[in-house]
Protein backbone atom coordinates (compact mmCIF):
# COMPACT_ATOMS: atom_id res chain seq x y z
CA MET A 1 -35.82 33.71 -9.88
CA ALA A 2 -39.17 33.57 -11.24
CA GLY A 3 -39.38 30.04 -10.19
CA LEU A 4 -38.53 31.20 -6.65
CA ARG A 5 -41.46 33.73 -6.65
CA GLY A 6 -43.26 33.03 -3.29
CA ALA A 7 -40.70 31.01 -1.93
CA VAL A 8 -37.83 33.57 -1.45
CA ALA A 9 -38.36 34.14 2.75
CA ASP A 10 -37.53 30.26 2.72
CA ALA A 11 -35.13 29.80 0.21
CA SER A 12 -32.83 32.34 2.10
CA CYS A 13 -32.56 30.58 5.66
CA SER A 14 -31.57 27.07 3.34
CA PRO A 15 -27.92 26.45 3.44
CA THR A 16 -28.20 25.51 -0.21
CA ALA A 17 -31.00 27.94 -1.98
CA SER A 18 -29.64 30.72 -0.20
CA LEU A 19 -26.36 30.39 -2.10
CA VAL A 20 -28.36 31.02 -5.31
CA LEU A 21 -30.19 34.16 -4.39
CA LEU A 22 -26.24 35.24 -3.57
CA ARG A 23 -25.19 34.35 -6.87
CA ALA A 24 -28.45 36.26 -8.45
CA LEU A 25 -27.35 39.18 -6.34
CA ASP A 26 -24.45 39.12 -7.54
CA THR A 27 -25.13 38.52 -11.54
CA LEU A 28 -28.07 40.03 -11.72
CA GLY A 29 -27.90 43.19 -10.28
CA ARG A 30 -31.09 45.57 -9.14
CA GLU A 31 -33.48 43.11 -10.92
CA ALA A 32 -33.09 40.67 -8.37
CA ALA A 33 -32.65 42.58 -5.46
CA ASP A 34 -35.22 44.69 -5.78
CA PHE A 35 -37.28 40.78 -6.48
CA VAL A 36 -35.40 39.53 -3.39
CA ALA A 37 -36.07 42.54 -0.93
CA ALA A 38 -40.04 42.73 -2.00
CA GLU A 39 -40.32 38.78 -1.38
CA LEU A 40 -38.55 39.24 2.10
CA ARG A 41 -41.05 41.82 3.20
CA GLY A 42 -42.94 40.51 6.26
CA ARG A 43 -40.00 38.02 7.61
CA ALA A 44 -37.13 40.63 7.62
CA ARG A 45 -36.53 39.39 10.86
CA ASP A 46 -36.88 35.91 10.52
CA ALA A 47 -34.13 35.72 8.16
CA ALA A 48 -32.00 37.86 10.11
CA GLY A 49 -32.20 35.18 12.83
CA THR A 50 -30.71 32.44 10.68
CA SER A 51 -26.78 32.41 9.69
CA HIS A 52 -27.86 31.62 6.01
CA GLY A 53 -30.87 34.33 5.95
CA CYS A 54 -28.61 36.91 7.48
CA ALA A 55 -25.94 36.19 5.07
CA VAL A 56 -28.54 37.16 2.12
CA LEU A 57 -30.13 40.54 4.16
CA CYS A 58 -25.87 41.54 4.67
CA HIS A 59 -25.44 40.79 1.34
CA LEU A 60 -28.53 42.64 -0.07
CA LEU A 61 -27.79 45.72 2.18
CA GLU A 62 -24.30 46.05 1.58
CA ARG A 63 -24.84 45.70 -2.75
CA THR A 64 -27.84 47.82 -2.90
CA ALA A 65 -28.77 50.15 0.61
CA GLY A 66 -29.20 52.96 -1.56
CA GLN A 67 -32.22 51.55 -3.24
CA SER A 68 -36.05 51.89 -2.49
CA ALA A 69 -36.90 48.22 -2.04
CA THR A 70 -33.85 47.29 0.36
CA GLU A 71 -34.44 50.70 2.69
CA ALA A 72 -38.10 49.62 2.72
CA LEU A 73 -36.89 46.25 4.18
CA VAL A 74 -34.83 47.38 6.52
CA GLU A 75 -37.14 49.61 8.03
CA GLU A 76 -39.23 46.24 8.56
CA LEU A 77 -36.10 45.21 10.29
CA VAL A 78 -35.13 48.18 12.50
CA GLY A 79 -38.23 50.98 11.70
CA GLU A 80 -41.64 49.92 12.47
CA PRO A 81 -42.74 48.65 15.66
CA ARG A 82 -43.60 45.19 14.10
CA GLY A 83 -39.53 44.67 14.23
CA GLY A 84 -39.26 44.41 17.22
CA ASP A 85 -36.69 44.66 19.63
CA VAL A 86 -33.86 46.24 17.78
CA ALA A 87 -31.26 45.90 20.97
CA ALA A 88 -32.58 42.46 20.88
CA LEU A 89 -31.39 42.15 17.20
CA CYS A 90 -28.11 42.96 18.31
CA CYS A 91 -27.39 40.63 20.66
CA HIS A 92 -28.22 37.63 18.56
CA LYS A 93 -25.55 35.13 17.21
CA TYR A 94 -26.91 36.36 13.79
CA GLY A 95 -29.42 39.26 14.05
CA HIS A 96 -26.12 41.14 15.15
CA LEU A 97 -24.50 40.67 11.11
CA ALA A 98 -27.68 42.31 10.19
CA ALA A 99 -27.43 45.12 12.79
CA MET A 100 -23.77 45.93 11.83
CA SER A 101 -24.80 45.70 7.82
CA VAL A 102 -27.11 48.71 8.84
CA MET A 103 -24.36 50.53 10.61
CA ARG A 104 -22.31 50.31 7.47
CA CYS A 105 -24.45 50.60 4.72
CA GLY A 106 -27.88 51.79 5.90
CA ALA A 107 -29.50 55.44 5.44
CA VAL A 108 -28.42 57.69 8.48
CA ARG A 109 -32.06 57.43 9.71
CA HIS A 110 -31.57 53.49 10.66
CA LYS A 111 -27.91 54.34 11.66
CA GLY A 112 -29.45 56.68 14.29
CA ILE A 113 -32.08 53.70 15.27
CA VAL A 114 -29.51 50.73 15.91
CA ALA A 115 -27.44 53.12 17.91
CA ASP A 116 -30.15 54.66 20.13
CA ALA A 117 -31.52 50.86 21.05
CA LEU A 118 -28.20 50.41 22.39
CA HIS A 119 -28.27 53.41 24.64
CA GLY A 120 -30.48 51.56 26.76
CA ASP A 121 -27.99 49.92 28.87
CA LEU A 122 -24.76 50.74 27.17
CA HIS A 123 -22.56 49.71 29.40
CA ARG A 124 -24.45 46.28 29.70
CA TYR A 125 -24.35 45.96 25.80
CA ALA A 126 -20.40 47.07 25.49
CA ARG A 127 -19.55 44.11 27.63
CA HIS A 128 -21.89 41.72 25.45
CA ARG A 129 -19.83 39.39 22.79
CA PHE A 130 -22.19 40.53 19.81
CA ALA A 131 -23.63 43.81 20.72
CA SER A 132 -20.53 45.43 21.71
CA LYS A 133 -19.23 44.32 17.79
CA VAL A 134 -22.64 46.86 16.79
CA LEU A 135 -21.25 49.35 19.19
CA ARG A 136 -18.66 49.29 17.90
CA GLU A 137 -19.45 49.82 14.33
CA ALA A 138 -21.55 52.85 15.79
CA LEU A 139 -18.80 54.59 17.27
CA VAL A 140 -17.15 54.92 13.69
CA LEU A 141 -19.89 54.88 11.61
CA ALA A 142 -22.84 57.00 12.94
CA PRO A 143 -24.25 60.05 12.79
CA HIS A 144 -21.73 62.23 14.05
CA ASN A 145 -23.78 63.54 17.29
CA VAL A 146 -24.62 60.78 18.09
CA ARG A 147 -20.98 59.29 18.38
CA GLY A 148 -20.46 61.77 20.49
CA SER A 149 -23.30 61.04 22.68
CA LEU A 150 -21.96 57.37 22.75
CA ALA A 151 -18.43 57.80 23.32
CA ARG A 152 -19.53 60.46 26.33
CA GLU A 153 -21.97 57.52 27.71
CA LEU A 154 -19.15 55.15 27.68
CA MET A 155 -16.42 57.38 29.48
CA SER A 156 -18.90 59.50 31.98
CA ALA A 157 -18.62 57.52 35.08
CA PRO A 158 -15.00 57.19 36.81
CA GLY A 159 -13.39 54.93 35.88
CA SER A 160 -15.46 53.39 33.23
CA THR A 161 -12.90 53.46 30.52
CA THR A 162 -10.68 51.67 32.92
CA ALA A 163 -13.15 48.72 33.00
CA LEU A 164 -13.75 48.90 29.82
CA ALA A 165 -10.30 48.26 28.45
CA CYS A 166 -9.81 45.19 31.19
CA HIS A 167 -12.88 43.61 29.19
CA CYS A 168 -12.29 40.93 26.44
CA PHE A 169 -15.10 42.74 24.78
CA GLY A 170 -15.02 46.48 25.54
CA VAL A 171 -11.58 46.70 24.90
CA LEU A 172 -12.28 46.85 21.41
CA LEU A 173 -14.70 49.98 22.00
CA VAL A 174 -11.80 51.60 23.64
CA ARG A 175 -9.70 51.03 20.61
CA ALA A 176 -12.47 52.34 18.32
CA MET A 177 -12.70 55.51 20.30
CA LEU A 178 -8.44 55.72 20.49
CA GLN A 179 -9.27 55.93 16.62
CA GLN A 180 -11.48 58.90 16.63
CA PRO A 181 -9.43 61.97 16.88
CA ARG A 182 -12.12 63.98 18.86
CA PHE A 183 -11.91 60.87 21.42
CA ALA A 184 -8.73 59.55 21.97
CA LYS A 185 -6.79 62.60 23.97
CA GLN A 186 -9.70 61.96 26.41
CA VAL A 187 -9.65 58.16 26.33
CA ARG A 188 -5.71 58.25 26.43
CA GLN A 189 -5.62 60.39 29.51
CA CYS A 190 -8.43 58.06 31.18
CA LEU A 191 -6.43 55.05 30.45
CA THR A 192 -3.44 56.97 31.61
CA ARG A 193 -4.77 57.45 35.10
CA GLY A 194 -6.06 53.73 35.17
CA GLN A 195 -2.49 52.55 34.16
CA ALA A 196 -1.73 50.10 37.88
CA ARG A 197 -5.45 48.69 36.86
CA LEU A 198 -5.05 48.10 33.62
CA ARG A 199 -1.01 46.38 34.07
CA ARG A 200 -2.74 43.59 35.99
CA ASP A 201 -5.22 42.74 33.51
CA ARG A 202 -4.26 40.92 30.41
CA TYR A 203 -6.59 43.17 27.80
CA GLY A 204 -5.25 45.90 29.72
CA TYR A 205 -1.26 45.25 29.45
CA ASP A 206 -1.87 44.69 25.95
CA LEU A 207 -3.79 48.19 25.20
CA LEU A 208 -0.96 49.65 27.17
CA VAL A 209 2.03 48.28 25.22
CA GLU A 210 -0.05 49.01 22.21
CA LEU A 211 -0.07 52.68 23.66
CA GLY A 212 3.56 52.69 24.08
CA LEU A 213 2.89 53.24 28.47
CA GLU A 214 4.68 49.60 28.81
CA ALA A 215 6.96 48.27 27.12
CA ALA A 216 6.56 44.56 26.31
CA GLY A 217 7.56 41.76 27.39
CA ARG A 218 6.61 41.08 31.13
CA PRO A 219 3.57 38.97 31.07
CA PRO A 220 0.51 40.11 32.37
CA LEU A 221 -1.16 38.54 35.75
CA PRO A 222 -4.72 36.56 34.38
CA ALA A 223 -7.44 38.65 33.20
CA THR A 224 -10.47 40.11 35.22
CA ALA A 225 -12.83 39.91 32.74
CA ALA A 226 -14.75 36.74 31.67
CA LEU A 227 -14.27 35.77 28.10
CA GLY A 228 -18.52 34.76 28.10
CA GLY A 229 -21.25 37.36 26.55
CA ALA A 230 -23.58 39.29 28.93
């Protein structure tokens, strides 16, 4: 590890050197975590933009989230102005994995920052291939008041819950809300009102079957939602 001093940021993005960093985090514990986090300062967004660098970031956060050096790195990634657009991070092919790790293991403040970034265009992000995964984590793991705000906005317009349930990514958020006791009743009521539309959609039909609102066995009509990300 001493031999990597000054080169960790580049090593984290290497398909081979990143494996050394991952093993070091597993075997050397806090000593390695503090070293790697300090070395990545100023390059957190670069690391999050590559598959291997993002894997190192996620492993670091999930193992040492409470340590000051790791929290400082997360602050750079999502909290500081130079961290850039957090919503763009959530929409990135690899960056969204780092945002999901923040939502699972980060400080309450950082979870709130990530969730607030998605508020800007919530219904578009709910249908985005990558951002929808971050949003699903937020609906389950964000601070209590933030979860409520997200769910209320997703269900605010008439028919919006049914529309989400008919989308290949949006339906995952509907399932996440159904798992939350304080949202489940309202979501189920919305879906009951939209049964006619749900029966004509592949994703909606499967959801109705899961909820016991439709008998299994009848093939639905082709889905109305496209498979591509927003």
